């Protein structure tokens, strides 16, 4: 055990950078893509990245478009938009709603990890 702490030592809870992430996007104006932002269960805005296309499609579906970005670039792009959190490989805490499920008139089913 080292008695001295250095500035470049990571915290034990800190995970190493995830590497290039698969970041969900939505169509923008023209040929542009816009990063999708989400909210945590507590309501904080967060950017989301996945470590594999398999994990992305498990959560958001096979037709979700994505781009590849590093975690640091994703954080830099989203902080000015109020999303200071980056969530890597999130999972929905509720099962997917089956197609054709009944809901109240005028309301749609909501996922816990929902798009902003």
Protein backbone atom coordinates (compact mmCIF):
# COMPACT_ATOMS: atom_id res chain seq x y z
CA UNK A 1 0.00 0.00 0.00
CA UNK A 2 1.35 3.40 -0.97
CA UNK A 3 1.15 6.14 1.66
CA UNK A 4 1.42 8.93 -0.91
CA UNK A 5 -1.28 9.93 -3.34
CA UNK A 6 -0.42 11.28 -6.77
CA UNK A 7 -2.68 13.47 -8.92
CA UNK A 8 -2.75 10.97 -11.78
CA UNK A 9 -3.84 8.03 -9.58
CA UNK A 10 -7.43 7.05 -10.39
CA UNK A 11 -10.01 6.75 -7.68
CA UNK A 12 -10.92 3.12 -6.93
CA UNK A 13 -14.48 3.68 -8.15
CA UNK A 14 -13.29 5.34 -11.36
CA UNK A 15 -13.52 3.08 -14.34
CA UNK A 16 -11.02 3.29 -17.15
CA UNK A 17 -12.26 5.10 -20.27
CA UNK A 18 -14.61 2.93 -22.28
CA UNK A 19 -12.91 3.63 -25.62
CA UNK A 20 -14.93 4.51 -28.72
CA UNK A 21 -18.64 4.36 -27.92
CA UNK A 22 -21.69 3.72 -30.08
CA UNK A 23 -23.72 6.89 -29.47
CA UNK A 24 -27.43 6.97 -30.44
CA UNK A 25 -28.42 9.80 -32.77
CA UNK A 26 -31.57 11.08 -34.42
CA UNK A 27 -31.95 12.76 -37.80
CA UNK A 28 -31.22 16.48 -37.83
CA UNK A 29 -31.84 19.05 -40.52
CA UNK A 30 -30.51 17.95 -43.89
CA UNK A 31 -27.92 15.19 -43.71
CA UNK A 32 -26.94 15.97 -40.11
CA UNK A 33 -27.32 13.69 -37.12
CA UNK A 34 -28.06 14.93 -33.61
CA UNK A 35 -26.94 13.14 -30.44
CA UNK A 36 -29.91 11.79 -28.47
CA UNK A 37 -29.96 12.90 -24.85
CA UNK A 38 -31.78 10.98 -22.16
CA UNK A 39 -32.82 11.43 -18.54
CA UNK A 40 -31.84 9.26 -15.62
CA UNK A 41 -34.57 7.88 -13.34
CA UNK A 42 -33.91 10.90 -11.08
CA UNK A 43 -34.40 13.34 -13.97
CA UNK A 44 -30.81 14.41 -14.68
CA UNK A 45 -29.88 14.85 -18.36
CA UNK A 46 -27.34 12.35 -19.59
CA UNK A 47 -25.58 11.45 -22.79
CA UNK A 48 -25.54 7.72 -23.51
CA UNK A 49 -22.92 5.52 -25.14
CA UNK A 50 -22.70 1.79 -25.65
CA UNK A 51 -19.60 -0.38 -25.84
CA UNK A 52 -21.07 -2.58 -28.60
CA UNK A 53 -23.79 -2.48 -31.23
CA UNK A 54 -25.32 -5.53 -29.55
CA UNK A 55 -25.85 -3.61 -26.30
CA UNK A 56 -27.24 -0.61 -28.19
CA UNK A 57 -29.79 -2.72 -30.07
CA UNK A 58 -30.83 -4.58 -26.89
CA UNK A 59 -31.86 -1.27 -25.30
CA UNK A 60 -32.93 0.98 -28.21
CA UNK A 61 -33.83 -1.47 -30.99
CA UNK A 62 -32.16 -2.60 -34.17
CA UNK A 63 -33.16 0.45 -36.22
CA UNK A 64 -31.53 3.00 -33.89
CA UNK A 65 -28.90 4.99 -35.85
CA UNK A 66 -25.58 5.68 -34.11
CA UNK A 67 -22.19 7.30 -34.51
CA UNK A 68 -18.84 6.41 -32.95
CA UNK A 69 -17.36 8.89 -30.46
CA UNK A 70 -14.90 8.72 -27.61
CA UNK A 71 -16.27 9.33 -24.13
CA UNK A 72 -14.30 12.59 -23.81
CA UNK A 73 -15.65 13.96 -27.11
CA UNK A 74 -19.20 12.93 -26.18
CA UNK A 75 -18.86 14.70 -22.82
CA UNK A 76 -17.41 17.83 -24.47
CA UNK A 77 -20.24 18.01 -27.01
CA UNK A 78 -23.05 17.46 -24.49
CA UNK A 79 -21.93 19.57 -21.50
CA UNK A 80 -23.01 22.88 -23.13
CA UNK A 81 -26.46 21.30 -23.60
CA UNK A 82 -26.84 20.63 -19.88
CA UNK A 83 -25.91 16.96 -20.00
CA UNK A 84 -22.86 16.71 -17.77
CA UNK A 85 -23.34 12.97 -17.19
CA UNK A 86 -22.30 10.23 -19.59
CA UNK A 87 -23.96 6.88 -19.00
CA UNK A 88 -22.18 3.88 -20.54
CA UNK A 89 -24.18 0.75 -21.34
CA UNK A 90 -27.43 1.73 -19.63
CA UNK A 91 -30.21 -0.80 -19.26
CA UNK A 92 -33.89 -0.07 -19.03
CA UNK A 93 -35.32 -0.91 -15.63
CA UNK A 94 -38.72 -1.79 -17.06
CA UNK A 95 -39.56 -4.43 -19.66
CA UNK A 96 -40.40 -3.27 -23.16
CA UNK A 97 -44.06 -2.55 -23.80
CA UNK A 98 -45.50 -5.06 -26.29
CA UNK A 99 -46.76 -3.71 -29.62
CA UNK A 100 -50.45 -2.91 -29.50
CA UNK A 101 -50.54 -2.65 -25.70
CA UNK A 102 -53.52 -0.73 -24.39
CA UNK A 103 -52.95 2.69 -22.82
CA UNK A 104 -55.12 5.54 -21.77
CA UNK A 105 -56.38 7.72 -24.64
CA UNK A 106 -53.87 10.43 -25.52
CA UNK A 107 -51.03 8.82 -23.54
CA UNK A 108 -48.17 6.68 -24.77
CA UNK A 109 -46.09 4.13 -22.85
CA UNK A 110 -42.99 5.70 -21.25
CA UNK A 111 -39.61 4.10 -20.70
CA UNK A 112 -37.65 4.81 -17.55
CA UNK A 113 -34.63 5.86 -19.62
CA UNK A 114 -36.44 8.28 -21.89
CA UNK A 115 -35.26 10.57 -24.65
CA UNK A 116 -35.22 14.31 -24.06
